[in-house]
């Protein structure tokens, strides 16, 4: 797998996080299914956006890129995104880039002008096959260079001549820097071969970036470049793409501080990777509450004890849930449908625990299946919270809801249960769900029992 990484000229936003998490889920699932996965994600540390931002801030482009690269790596770790097997940078791939451009020159599809070396789109008849745009209808998209010497307006830069402090390299054509598109082709093919299985990125990269990658890669090697492209949908705000240029973004750092990693991961799992998600605070809270219900089922099963005999229904439900999960993920990584199977299983586990009618081994076996499948999405309860005294965290929850917050753990939880029951009577389900979610995060699992009462236990 090769996934296009960020251009580190500013802090990453939650739209980037959506892409990172989506490909992390795909990677984790392929590993779960037994595939050996070599995962490469680049860092575009040489780019006009970095140069322009560095000039504004009066710093070296390399220092600016390094700052935001480290920040992004730290945020990905907080989001439980597995680090790439290989994380190449443009600055460390100049020889491979030059070699690929020389191949294109040799094959007669690249030419030089006074401003740089360009790919001649007319020499690649299949240009447009990914985006399905005709040459006549092609728009001058992002990062398309204007040069009167170009043979065609759609021809794109492979090498840009000129001197930029901190971003200039020697080449057979003169000092300069790589064009945007050639970077990924050079890094992908040099690390994964001429044909790669999966190439991913956000859907705004389909054109011109991935279209141009196909053209230059296949024109150089004569082989198919990618077997399967995977593109994530946008994270939108009021229907508009979340983007730095629109100023409507929430940084990953802000999102982590405000909502936490797991509610964000859960939010992204509840939509198909290719579909847009309209981001709201309510949607993140709802995702967190939904995840709490899954964790609550695991917590109930962990402490469940019963001498009940017979059974079999819960074991069958667990087997069915795993089959549905795999079928959904095998079908274009359909995480929402896979997640529906987990919700159904969790409901059965919680019900069995509440009724006390299922054999203990069967409940724990079903919970083991739920835990295993939740692990595919990195959504297991945090290990550090197990066995920890939750009193301090529960006190903070009481304080949030303006309740007494200095009593015993039992008194504080009972006060929160009473506040939750009052909210439910008033049909204020948002507050009711928030109390449950905050308590789950604090290490307390609530159990709504068959007789209408609510019990609780330390998760």
Foldseek 3Di string as FASTA:
>chain_A
DEEEAEAQQDFAFLQNVLQLLQVLLLVLVCVVVPDDDQYEYEYALFDPSLLVSCVVVVHASNVSSVVNVVVVVVLCVQLVRDDHPYYYYLVVQVVLLQVLVVLLVVLPQWDADPFAIWGNPVVQVCQCVQVVDDPVRDDCDPQQDDDPPDPDSRIGHQWTEDDRVNAWDQHPVGIGHGRDQSSSLSVCCVVPNLEDEEYEYAPVCSPPRVSVSQRSSCSRPVDGHYNYYDHFYAAAEPPHGADVVVVNGHGSVNCCVPQNSQLSLQLSLQAQRHDYHHDDPLSSLVSLLLLLLLQLLLVLLVPAAAPADDDDPLLVLLVVLVVQLVVCCVVNHNRNSNVVSLSVSSVVSLQCSQVRRHHSVSSNVSSVSSQVSCVSSPSHDDPVQPPDPLLVLLLVLCVVVVHDRPDDSVVSVVVLQVVLVVCVVVVVVSSNSNSQSSVVNSQKHWRQHPVRDIDIDGD
